[in-house]
PDB file of all heavy atoms in Angstrom:
ATOM      1  N   ILE A   1       8.094 -16.961 -12.400  1.00  0.00           N
ATOM      2  CA  ILE A   1       8.571 -18.186 -11.776  1.00  0.00           C
ATOM      3  C   ILE A   1       7.344 -19.005 -11.391  1.00  0.00           C
ATOM      4  O   ILE A   1       6.583 -18.616 -10.495  1.00  0.00           O
ATOM      5  CB  ILE A   1       9.464 -17.870 -10.569  1.00  0.00           C
ATOM      6  CG1 ILE A   1      10.671 -17.029 -11.008  1.00  0.00           C
ATOM      7  CG2 ILE A   1       9.916 -19.172  -9.880  1.00  0.00           C
ATOM      8  CD1 ILE A   1      11.546 -16.558  -9.885  1.00  0.00           C
ATOM      9  N   PRO A   2       7.118 -20.130 -12.059  1.00  0.00           N
ATOM     10  CA  PRO A   2       5.869 -20.877 -11.903  1.00  0.00           C
ATOM     11  C   PRO A   2       5.544 -21.305 -10.492  1.00  0.00           C
ATOM     12  O   PRO A   2       4.358 -21.297 -10.082  1.00  0.00           O
ATOM     13  CB  PRO A   2       6.037 -22.094 -12.823  1.00  0.00           C
ATOM     14  CG  PRO A   2       7.072 -21.671 -13.824  1.00  0.00           C
ATOM     15  CD  PRO A   2       7.963 -20.758 -13.080  1.00  0.00           C
ATOM     16  N   VAL A   3       6.539 -21.695  -9.677  1.00  0.00           N
ATOM     17  CA  VAL A   3       6.255 -22.242  -8.342  1.00  0.00           C
ATOM     18  C   VAL A   3       6.030 -21.165  -7.313  1.00  0.00           C
ATOM     19  O   VAL A   3       5.662 -21.460  -6.169  1.00  0.00           O
ATOM     20  CB  VAL A   3       7.415 -23.159  -7.884  1.00  0.00           C
ATOM     21  CG1 VAL A   3       7.550 -24.347  -8.830  1.00  0.00           C
ATOM     22  CG2 VAL A   3       8.717 -22.402  -7.806  1.00  0.00           C
ATOM     23  N   MET A   4       6.222 -19.907  -7.642  1.00  0.00           N
ATOM     24  CA  MET A   4       5.996 -18.808  -6.694  1.00  0.00           C
ATOM     25  C   MET A   4       4.594 -18.246  -6.868  1.00  0.00           C
ATOM     26  O   MET A   4       3.974 -18.430  -7.876  1.00  0.00           O
ATOM     27  CB  MET A   4       7.063 -17.740  -6.914  1.00  0.00           C
ATOM     28  CG  MET A   4       8.459 -18.182  -6.532  1.00  0.00           C
ATOM     29  SD  MET A   4       9.767 -16.970  -6.894  1.00  0.00           S
ATOM     30  CE  MET A   4       9.307 -15.623  -5.792  1.00  0.00           C
ATOM     31  N   THR A   5       4.151 -17.566  -5.848  1.00  0.00           N
ATOM     32  CA  THR A   5       2.799 -16.964  -5.895  1.00  0.00           C
ATOM     33  C   THR A   5       2.787 -15.679  -6.726  1.00  0.00           C
ATOM     34  O   THR A   5       3.853 -15.156  -7.121  1.00  0.00           O
ATOM     35  CB  THR A   5       2.286 -16.596  -4.491  1.00  0.00           C
ATOM     36  OG1 THR A   5       3.104 -15.547  -3.975  1.00  0.00           O
ATOM     37  CG2 THR A   5       2.381 -17.810  -3.534  1.00  0.00           C
ATOM     38  N   VAL A   6       1.596 -15.227  -7.010  1.00  0.00           N
ATOM     39  CA  VAL A   6       1.425 -13.958  -7.742  1.00  0.00           C
ATOM     40  C   VAL A   6       2.153 -12.836  -7.032  1.00  0.00           C
ATOM     41  O   VAL A   6       2.948 -12.103  -7.626  1.00  0.00           O
ATOM     42  CB  VAL A   6      -0.058 -13.634  -7.898  1.00  0.00           C
ATOM     43  CG1 VAL A   6      -0.279 -12.193  -8.349  1.00  0.00           C
ATOM     44  CG2 VAL A   6      -0.732 -14.589  -8.866  1.00  0.00           C
ATOM     45  N   ALA A   7       1.909 -12.675  -5.720  1.00  0.00           N
ATOM     46  CA  ALA A   7       2.518 -11.579  -4.962  1.00  0.00           C
ATOM     47  C   ALA A   7       4.023 -11.706  -4.940  1.00  0.00           C
ATOM     48  O   ALA A   7       4.768 -10.701  -5.085  1.00  0.00           O
ATOM     49  CB  ALA A   7       1.950 -11.536  -3.547  1.00  0.00           C
ATOM     50  N   GLU A   8       4.541 -12.929  -4.752  1.00  0.00           N
ATOM     51  CA  GLU A   8       5.983 -13.138  -4.724  1.00  0.00           C
ATOM     52  C   GLU A   8       6.642 -12.752  -6.032  1.00  0.00           C
ATOM     53  O   GLU A   8       7.734 -12.151  -6.063  1.00  0.00           O
ATOM     54  CB  GLU A   8       6.298 -14.581  -4.374  1.00  0.00           C
ATOM     55  CG  GLU A   8       5.996 -14.943  -2.933  1.00  0.00           C
ATOM     56  CD  GLU A   8       5.980 -16.439  -2.667  1.00  0.00           C
ATOM     57  OE1 GLU A   8       5.958 -17.226  -3.637  1.00  0.00           O
ATOM     58  OE2 GLU A   8       5.998 -16.843  -1.483  1.00  0.00           O
ATOM     59  N   ASN A   9       6.021 -13.092  -7.181  1.00  0.00           N
ATOM     60  CA  ASN A   9       6.553 -12.718  -8.467  1.00  0.00           C
ATOM     61  C   ASN A   9       6.557 -11.208  -8.678  1.00  0.00           C
ATOM     62  O   ASN A   9       7.505 -10.646  -9.217  1.00  0.00           O
ATOM     63  CB  ASN A   9       5.738 -13.373  -9.580  1.00  0.00           C
ATOM     64  CG  ASN A   9       6.295 -14.766  -9.983  1.00  0.00           C
ATOM     65  OD1 ASN A   9       7.212 -14.870 -10.787  1.00  0.00           O
ATOM     66  ND2 ASN A   9       5.726 -15.784  -9.397  1.00  0.00           N
ATOM     67  N   ILE A  10       5.513 -10.548  -8.213  1.00  0.00           N
ATOM     68  CA  ILE A  10       5.393  -9.117  -8.452  1.00  0.00           C
ATOM     69  C   ILE A  10       6.450  -8.341  -7.672  1.00  0.00           C
ATOM     70  O   ILE A  10       7.041  -7.388  -8.196  1.00  0.00           O
ATOM     71  CB  ILE A  10       3.982  -8.643  -8.071  1.00  0.00           C
ATOM     72  CG1 ILE A  10       2.972  -9.173  -9.127  1.00  0.00           C
ATOM     73  CG2 ILE A  10       3.921  -7.131  -8.000  1.00  0.00           C
ATOM     74  CD1 ILE A  10       1.518  -8.959  -8.762  1.00  0.00           C
ATOM     75  N   VAL A  11       6.723  -8.725  -6.445  1.00  0.00           N
ATOM     76  CA  VAL A  11       7.652  -7.966  -5.611  1.00  0.00           C
ATOM     77  C   VAL A  11       9.082  -8.478  -5.677  1.00  0.00           C
ATOM     78  O   VAL A  11       9.993  -7.897  -5.074  1.00  0.00           O
ATOM     79  CB  VAL A  11       7.189  -7.943  -4.128  1.00  0.00           C
ATOM     80  CG1 VAL A  11       5.760  -7.444  -4.013  1.00  0.00           C
ATOM     81  CG2 VAL A  11       7.319  -9.336  -3.481  1.00  0.00           C
ATOM     82  N   LEU A  12       9.312  -9.532  -6.448  1.00  0.00           N
ATOM     83  CA  LEU A  12      10.653 -10.133  -6.494  1.00  0.00           C
ATOM     84  C   LEU A  12      11.727  -9.097  -6.869  1.00  0.00           C
ATOM     85  O   LEU A  12      11.586  -8.322  -7.801  1.00  0.00           O
ATOM     86  CB  LEU A  12      10.661 -11.249  -7.561  1.00  0.00           C
ATOM     87  CG  LEU A  12      11.945 -12.099  -7.651  1.00  0.00           C
ATOM     88  CD1 LEU A  12      12.180 -12.861  -6.342  1.00  0.00           C
ATOM     89  CD2 LEU A  12      11.840 -13.082  -8.794  1.00  0.00           C
ATOM     90  N   ALA A  13      12.788  -9.082  -6.056  1.00  0.00           N
ATOM     91  CA  ALA A  13      13.920  -8.139  -6.193  1.00  0.00           C
ATOM     92  C   ALA A  13      13.536  -6.714  -5.802  1.00  0.00           C
ATOM     93  O   ALA A  13      14.341  -5.788  -5.903  1.00  0.00           O
ATOM     94  CB  ALA A  13      14.506  -8.146  -7.601  1.00  0.00           C
ATOM     95  N   ASN A  14      12.324  -6.535  -5.269  1.00  0.00           N
ATOM     96  CA  ASN A  14      11.882  -5.230  -4.798  1.00  0.00           C
ATOM     97  C   ASN A  14      10.951  -5.394  -3.607  1.00  0.00           C
ATOM     98  O   ASN A  14       9.910  -4.736  -3.479  1.00  0.00           O
ATOM     99  CB  ASN A  14      11.149  -4.499  -5.954  1.00  0.00           C
ATOM    100  CG  ASN A  14      11.354  -3.007  -5.926  1.00  0.00           C
ATOM    101  OD1 ASN A  14      11.996  -2.490  -5.026  1.00  0.00           O
ATOM    102  ND2 ASN A  14      10.776  -2.321  -6.886  1.00  0.00           N
ATOM    103  N   GLU A  15      11.338  -6.321  -2.710  1.00  0.00           N
ATOM    104  CA  GLU A  15      10.448  -6.765  -1.659  1.00  0.00           C
ATOM    105  C   GLU A  15      10.341  -5.733  -0.561  1.00  0.00           C
ATOM    106  O   GLU A  15      11.339  -5.112  -0.155  1.00  0.00           O
ATOM    107  CB  GLU A  15      10.932  -8.085  -1.056  1.00  0.00           C
ATOM    108  CG  GLU A  15      10.989  -9.253  -2.013  1.00  0.00           C
ATOM    109  CD  GLU A  15      12.334  -9.381  -2.747  1.00  0.00           C
ATOM    110  OE1 GLU A  15      13.107  -8.372  -2.690  1.00  0.00           O
ATOM    111  OE2 GLU A  15      12.617 -10.428  -3.346  1.00  0.00           O
ATOM    112  N   PRO A  16       9.115  -5.505  -0.038  1.00  0.00           N
ATOM    113  CA  PRO A  16       8.969  -4.641   1.125  1.00  0.00           C
ATOM    114  C   PRO A  16       9.514  -5.345   2.396  1.00  0.00           C
ATOM    115  O   PRO A  16       9.424  -6.566   2.512  1.00  0.00           O
ATOM    116  CB  PRO A  16       7.466  -4.424   1.230  1.00  0.00           C
ATOM    117  CG  PRO A  16       6.875  -5.627   0.587  1.00  0.00           C
ATOM    118  CD  PRO A  16       7.835  -6.050  -0.471  1.00  0.00           C
ATOM    119  N   VAL A  17      10.090  -4.542   3.306  1.00  0.00           N
ATOM    120  CA  VAL A  17      10.630  -5.131   4.526  1.00  0.00           C
ATOM    121  C   VAL A  17      10.128  -4.378   5.730  1.00  0.00           C
ATOM    122  O   VAL A  17       9.632  -3.248   5.630  1.00  0.00           O
ATOM    123  CB  VAL A  17      12.191  -5.068   4.506  1.00  0.00           C
ATOM    124  CG1 VAL A  17      12.778  -5.921   3.398  1.00  0.00           C
ATOM    125  CG2 VAL A  17      12.673  -3.617   4.377  1.00  0.00           C
ATOM    126  N   ARG A  18      10.194  -5.036   6.871  1.00  0.00           N
ATOM    127  CA  ARG A  18       9.887  -4.368   8.137  1.00  0.00           C
ATOM    128  C   ARG A  18      11.046  -4.575   9.099  1.00  0.00           C
ATOM    129  O   ARG A  18      11.763  -5.597   9.015  1.00  0.00           O
ATOM    130  CB  ARG A  18       8.556  -4.903   8.722  1.00  0.00           C
ATOM    131  CG  ARG A  18       8.464  -6.416   8.833  1.00  0.00           C
ATOM    132  CD  ARG A  18       7.070  -6.848   9.255  1.00  0.00           C
ATOM    133  NE  ARG A  18       6.875  -8.267   9.120  1.00  0.00           N
ATOM    134  CZ  ARG A  18       7.188  -9.162  10.076  1.00  0.00           C
ATOM    135  NH1 ARG A  18       7.700  -8.754  11.201  1.00  0.00           N
ATOM    136  NH2 ARG A  18       6.983 -10.447   9.855  1.00  0.00           N
ATOM    137  N   GLU A  19      11.219  -3.624   9.954  1.00  0.00           N
ATOM    138  CA  GLU A  19      12.353  -3.623  10.894  1.00  0.00           C
ATOM    139  C   GLU A  19      13.674  -3.701  10.145  1.00  0.00           C
ATOM    140  O   GLU A  19      14.677  -4.222  10.667  1.00  0.00           O
ATOM    141  CB  GLU A  19      12.219  -4.773  11.882  1.00  0.00           C
ATOM    142  CG  GLU A  19      10.961  -4.658  12.730  1.00  0.00           C
ATOM    143  CD  GLU A  19      10.805  -5.845  13.688  1.00  0.00           C
ATOM    144  OE1 GLU A  19      11.790  -6.609  13.842  1.00  0.00           O
ATOM    145  OE2 GLU A  19       9.745  -5.963  14.286  1.00  0.00           O
ATOM    146  N   GLY A  20      13.668  -3.242   8.871  1.00  0.00           N
ATOM    147  CA  GLY A  20      14.914  -3.121   8.124  1.00  0.00           C
ATOM    148  C   GLY A  20      15.392  -4.380   7.412  1.00  0.00           C
ATOM    149  O   GLY A  20      16.128  -4.284   6.456  1.00  0.00           O
ATOM    150  N   VAL A  21      14.966  -5.578   7.871  1.00  0.00           N
ATOM    151  CA  VAL A  21      15.484  -6.809   7.297  1.00  0.00           C
ATOM    152  C   VAL A  21      14.451  -7.866   6.993  1.00  0.00           C
ATOM    153  O   VAL A  21      14.672  -8.719   6.120  1.00  0.00           O
ATOM    154  CB  VAL A  21      16.580  -7.433   8.241  1.00  0.00           C
ATOM    155  CG1 VAL A  21      17.800  -6.552   8.332  1.00  0.00           C
ATOM    156  CG2 VAL A  21      15.982  -7.663   9.632  1.00  0.00           C
ATOM    157  N   LEU A  22      13.320  -7.838   7.671  1.00  0.00           N
ATOM    158  CA  LEU A  22      12.343  -8.943   7.542  1.00  0.00           C
ATOM    159  C   LEU A  22      11.404  -8.661   6.355  1.00  0.00           C
ATOM    160  O   LEU A  22      10.905  -7.558   6.193  1.00  0.00           O
ATOM    161  CB  LEU A  22      11.529  -9.049   8.832  1.00  0.00           C
ATOM    162  CG  LEU A  22      12.340  -9.387  10.092  1.00  0.00           C
ATOM    163  CD1 LEU A  22      11.413  -9.388  11.315  1.00  0.00           C
ATOM    164  CD2 LEU A  22      13.021 -10.727   9.952  1.00  0.00           C
ATOM    165  N   LEU A  23      11.192  -9.692   5.559  1.00  0.00           N
ATOM    166  CA  LEU A  23      10.259  -9.563   4.433  1.00  0.00           C
ATOM    167  C   LEU A  23       8.842  -9.352   4.966  1.00  0.00           C
ATOM    168  O   LEU A  23       8.375 -10.077   5.829  1.00  0.00           O
ATOM    169  CB  LEU A  23      10.310 -10.831   3.569  1.00  0.00           C
ATOM    170  CG  LEU A  23      11.627 -11.107   2.808  1.00  0.00           C
ATOM    171  CD1 LEU A  23      11.519 -12.410   2.052  1.00  0.00           C
ATOM    172  CD2 LEU A  23      11.971  -9.964   1.877  1.00  0.00           C
ATOM    173  N   ASP A  24       8.185  -8.380   4.393  1.00  0.00           N
ATOM    174  CA  ASP A  24       6.821  -8.045   4.828  1.00  0.00           C
ATOM    175  C   ASP A  24       5.851  -8.448   3.723  1.00  0.00           C
ATOM    176  O   ASP A  24       5.422  -7.624   2.900  1.00  0.00           O
ATOM    177  CB  ASP A  24       6.738  -6.536   5.109  1.00  0.00           C
ATOM    178  CG  ASP A  24       5.443  -6.167   5.827  1.00  0.00           C
ATOM    179  OD1 ASP A  24       4.528  -7.032   5.840  1.00  0.00           O
ATOM    180  OD2 ASP A  24       5.307  -5.033   6.301  1.00  0.00           O
ATOM    181  N   PHE A  25       5.473  -9.739   3.689  1.00  0.00           N
ATOM    182  CA  PHE A  25       4.607 -10.212   2.636  1.00  0.00           C
ATOM    183  C   PHE A  25       3.181  -9.726   2.797  1.00  0.00           C
ATOM    184  O   PHE A  25       2.426  -9.602   1.825  1.00  0.00           O
ATOM    185  CB  PHE A  25       4.648 -11.751   2.586  1.00  0.00           C
ATOM    186  CG  PHE A  25       5.803 -12.279   1.822  1.00  0.00           C
ATOM    187  CD1 PHE A  25       6.850 -12.923   2.478  1.00  0.00           C
ATOM    188  CD2 PHE A  25       5.895 -12.121   0.463  1.00  0.00           C
ATOM    189  CE1 PHE A  25       7.957 -13.382   1.793  1.00  0.00           C
ATOM    190  CE2 PHE A  25       6.986 -12.599  -0.250  1.00  0.00           C
ATOM    191  CZ  PHE A  25       8.013 -13.219   0.412  1.00  0.00           C
ATOM    192  N   ALA A  26       2.796  -9.369   4.012  1.00  0.00           N
ATOM    193  CA  ALA A  26       1.459  -8.799   4.189  1.00  0.00           C
ATOM    194  C   ALA A  26       1.372  -7.456   3.466  1.00  0.00           C
ATOM    195  O   ALA A  26       0.378  -7.140   2.797  1.00  0.00           O
ATOM    196  CB  ALA A  26       1.173  -8.630   5.683  1.00  0.00           C
ATOM    197  N   ALA A  27       2.450  -6.677   3.593  1.00  0.00           N
ATOM    198  CA  ALA A  27       2.468  -5.385   2.894  1.00  0.00           C
ATOM    199  C   ALA A  27       2.490  -5.587   1.362  1.00  0.00           C
ATOM    200  O   ALA A  27       1.857  -4.855   0.618  1.00  0.00           O
ATOM    201  CB  ALA A  27       3.685  -4.567   3.343  1.00  0.00           C
ATOM    202  N   ALA A  28       3.252  -6.617   0.945  1.00  0.00           N
ATOM    203  CA  ALA A  28       3.319  -6.909  -0.502  1.00  0.00           C
ATOM    204  C   ALA A  28       1.976  -7.288  -1.050  1.00  0.00           C
ATOM    205  O   ALA A  28       1.541  -6.777  -2.095  1.00  0.00           O
ATOM    206  CB  ALA A  28       4.317  -8.042  -0.742  1.00  0.00           C
ATOM    207  N   GLU A  29       1.246  -8.162  -0.354  1.00  0.00           N
ATOM    208  CA  GLU A  29      -0.047  -8.619  -0.817  1.00  0.00           C
ATOM    209  C   GLU A  29      -1.045  -7.469  -0.795  1.00  0.00           C
ATOM    210  O   GLU A  29      -1.905  -7.352  -1.690  1.00  0.00           O
ATOM    211  CB  GLU A  29      -0.521  -9.782   0.017  1.00  0.00           C
ATOM    212  CG  GLU A  29       0.310 -11.049  -0.237  1.00  0.00           C
ATOM    213  CD  GLU A  29      -0.104 -12.200   0.684  1.00  0.00           C
ATOM    214  OE1 GLU A  29      -0.864 -11.988   1.622  1.00  0.00           O
ATOM    215  OE2 GLU A  29       0.408 -13.328   0.446  1.00  0.00           O
ATOM    216  N   ALA A  30      -0.928  -6.591   0.208  1.00  0.00           N
ATOM    217  CA  ALA A  30      -1.852  -5.448   0.285  1.00  0.00           C
ATOM    218  C   ALA A  30      -1.586  -4.496  -0.888  1.00  0.00           C
ATOM    219  O   ALA A  30      -2.542  -3.970  -1.494  1.00  0.00           O
ATOM    220  CB  ALA A  30      -1.652  -4.715   1.594  1.00  0.00           C
ATOM    221  N   ARG A  31      -0.318  -4.265  -1.226  1.00  0.00           N
ATOM    222  CA  ARG A  31       0.030  -3.383  -2.337  1.00  0.00           C
ATOM    223  C   ARG A  31      -0.469  -3.967  -3.652  1.00  0.00           C
ATOM    224  O   ARG A  31      -0.997  -3.262  -4.515  1.00  0.00           O
ATOM    225  CB  ARG A  31       1.534  -3.186  -2.378  1.00  0.00           C
ATOM    226  CG  ARG A  31       2.067  -2.443  -3.591  1.00  0.00           C
ATOM    227  CD  ARG A  31       1.680  -0.988  -3.600  1.00  0.00           C
ATOM    228  NE  ARG A  31       2.362  -0.271  -4.648  1.00  0.00           N
ATOM    229  CZ  ARG A  31       1.888   0.782  -5.291  1.00  0.00           C
ATOM    230  NH1 ARG A  31       0.673   1.224  -4.966  1.00  0.00           N
ATOM    231  NH2 ARG A  31       2.576   1.362  -6.226  1.00  0.00           N
ATOM    232  N   VAL A  32      -0.298  -5.294  -3.822  1.00  0.00           N
ATOM    233  CA  VAL A  32      -0.764  -5.959  -5.055  1.00  0.00           C
ATOM    234  C   VAL A  32      -2.276  -5.851  -5.163  1.00  0.00           C
ATOM    235  O   VAL A  32      -2.813  -5.564  -6.238  1.00  0.00           O
ATOM    236  CB  VAL A  32      -0.314  -7.436  -5.072  1.00  0.00           C
ATOM    237  CG1 VAL A  32      -1.011  -8.181  -6.189  1.00  0.00           C
ATOM    238  CG2 VAL A  32       1.202  -7.537  -5.214  1.00  0.00           C
ATOM    239  N   ALA A  33      -2.984  -6.061  -4.046  1.00  0.00           N
ATOM    240  CA  ALA A  33      -4.427  -5.971  -4.074  1.00  0.00           C
ATOM    241  C   ALA A  33      -4.884  -4.563  -4.419  1.00  0.00           C
ATOM    242  O   ALA A  33      -5.846  -4.354  -5.160  1.00  0.00           O
ATOM    243  CB  ALA A  33      -4.980  -6.402  -2.697  1.00  0.00           C
ATOM    244  N   GLU A  34      -4.169  -3.569  -3.903  1.00  0.00           N
ATOM    245  CA  GLU A  34      -4.528  -2.150  -4.193  1.00  0.00           C
ATOM    246  C   GLU A  34      -4.342  -1.844  -5.651  1.00  0.00           C
ATOM    247  O   GLU A  34      -5.193  -1.222  -6.302  1.00  0.00           O
ATOM    248  CB  GLU A  34      -3.654  -1.248  -3.340  1.00  0.00           C
ATOM    249  CG  GLU A  34      -4.026   0.239  -3.418  1.00  0.00           C
ATOM    250  CD  GLU A  34      -3.228   0.975  -4.499  1.00  0.00           C
ATOM    251  OE1 GLU A  34      -2.050   0.652  -4.693  1.00  0.00           O
ATOM    252  OE2 GLU A  34      -3.812   1.868  -5.150  1.00  0.00           O
ATOM    253  N   LEU A  35      -3.210  -2.265  -6.242  1.00  0.00           N
ATOM    254  CA  LEU A  35      -2.953  -2.062  -7.671  1.00  0.00           C
ATOM    255  C   LEU A  35      -3.968  -2.786  -8.551  1.00  0.00           C
ATOM    256  O   LEU A  35      -4.449  -2.281  -9.551  1.00  0.00           O
ATOM    257  CB  LEU A  35      -1.539  -2.495  -8.037  1.00  0.00           C
ATOM    258  CG  LEU A  35      -0.397  -1.605  -7.571  1.00  0.00           C
ATOM    259  CD1 LEU A  35       0.945  -2.306  -7.796  1.00  0.00           C
ATOM    260  CD2 LEU A  35      -0.429  -0.264  -8.276  1.00  0.00           C
ATOM    261  N   SER A  36      -4.300  -4.035  -8.130  1.00  0.00           N
ATOM    262  CA  SER A  36      -5.288  -4.816  -8.871  1.00  0.00           C
ATOM    263  C   SER A  36      -6.627  -4.124  -8.945  1.00  0.00           C
ATOM    264  O   SER A  36      -7.280  -4.025 -10.010  1.00  0.00           O
ATOM    265  CB  SER A  36      -5.474  -6.182  -8.217  1.00  0.00           C
ATOM    266  OG  SER A  36      -4.290  -6.935  -8.219  1.00  0.00           O
ATOM    267  N   SER A  37      -7.065  -3.556  -7.817  1.00  0.00           N
ATOM    268  CA  SER A  37      -8.345  -2.886  -7.764  1.00  0.00           C
ATOM    269  C   SER A  37      -8.301  -1.589  -8.556  1.00  0.00           C
ATOM    270  O   SER A  37      -9.230  -1.294  -9.312  1.00  0.00           O
ATOM    271  CB  SER A  37      -8.696  -2.597  -6.300  1.00  0.00           C
ATOM    272  OG  SER A  37      -9.874  -1.853  -6.201  1.00  0.00           O
ATOM    273  N   ARG A  38      -7.249  -0.827  -8.459  1.00  0.00           N
ATOM    274  CA  ARG A  38      -7.156   0.494  -9.102  1.00  0.00           C
ATOM    275  C   ARG A  38      -7.205   0.363 -10.636  1.00  0.00           C
ATOM    276  O   ARG A  38      -7.852   1.174 -11.305  1.00  0.00           O
ATOM    277  CB  ARG A  38      -5.903   1.236  -8.690  1.00  0.00           C
ATOM    278  CG  ARG A  38      -5.897   2.678  -9.207  1.00  0.00           C
ATOM    279  CD  ARG A  38      -4.513   3.318  -9.198  1.00  0.00           C
ATOM    280  NE  ARG A  38      -3.848   3.204  -7.933  1.00  0.00           N
ATOM    281  CZ  ARG A  38      -2.584   3.645  -7.723  1.00  0.00           C
ATOM    282  NH1 ARG A  38      -1.901   4.197  -8.720  1.00  0.00           N
ATOM    283  NH2 ARG A  38      -2.010   3.497  -6.557  1.00  0.00           N
ATOM    284  N   TYR A  39      -6.536  -0.624 -11.197  1.00  0.00           N
ATOM    285  CA  TYR A  39      -6.386  -0.717 -12.642  1.00  0.00           C
ATOM    286  C   TYR A  39      -7.255  -1.815 -13.274  1.00  0.00           C
ATOM    287  O   TYR A  39      -7.152  -2.081 -14.450  1.00  0.00           O
ATOM    288  CB  TYR A  39      -4.930  -0.937 -13.012  1.00  0.00           C
ATOM    289  CG  TYR A  39      -4.036   0.243 -12.683  1.00  0.00           C
ATOM    290  CD1 TYR A  39      -3.144   0.169 -11.608  1.00  0.00           C
ATOM    291  CD2 TYR A  39      -4.124   1.425 -13.377  1.00  0.00           C
ATOM    292  CE1 TYR A  39      -2.344   1.240 -11.296  1.00  0.00           C
ATOM    293  CE2 TYR A  39      -3.318   2.510 -13.066  1.00  0.00           C
ATOM    294  CZ  TYR A  39      -2.435   2.406 -12.016  1.00  0.00           C
ATOM    295  OH  TYR A  39      -1.630   3.487 -11.695  1.00  0.00           O
ATOM    296  N   GLY A  40      -8.105  -2.451 -12.471  1.00  0.00           N
ATOM    297  CA  GLY A  40      -8.958  -3.497 -13.013  1.00  0.00           C
ATOM    298  C   GLY A  40      -8.226  -4.755 -13.373  1.00  0.00           C
ATOM    299  O   GLY A  40      -8.630  -5.482 -14.294  1.00  0.00           O
ATOM    300  N   LEU A  41      -7.140  -5.048 -12.656  1.00  0.00           N
ATOM    301  CA  LEU A  41      -6.317  -6.236 -12.947  1.00  0.00           C
ATOM    302  C   LEU A  41      -6.588  -7.283 -11.880  1.00  0.00           C
ATOM    303  O   LEU A  41      -5.706  -7.580 -11.032  1.00  0.00           O
ATOM    304  CB  LEU A  41      -4.808  -5.846 -12.962  1.00  0.00           C
ATOM    305  CG  LEU A  41      -4.418  -4.989 -14.159  1.00  0.00           C
ATOM    306  CD1 LEU A  41      -3.191  -4.155 -13.832  1.00  0.00           C
ATOM    307  CD2 LEU A  41      -4.103  -5.870 -15.335  1.00  0.00           C
TER     308      LEU A  41
END
């Protein structure tokens, strides 16, 4: 989806949440950064 960020596209339909309902974009971005580093992406 062009208008969304890299992290938003990656976690779309599989978003991390906190307190059961709130989207946790900090966790999403951290997970994306970890995967990027591990696989050279």
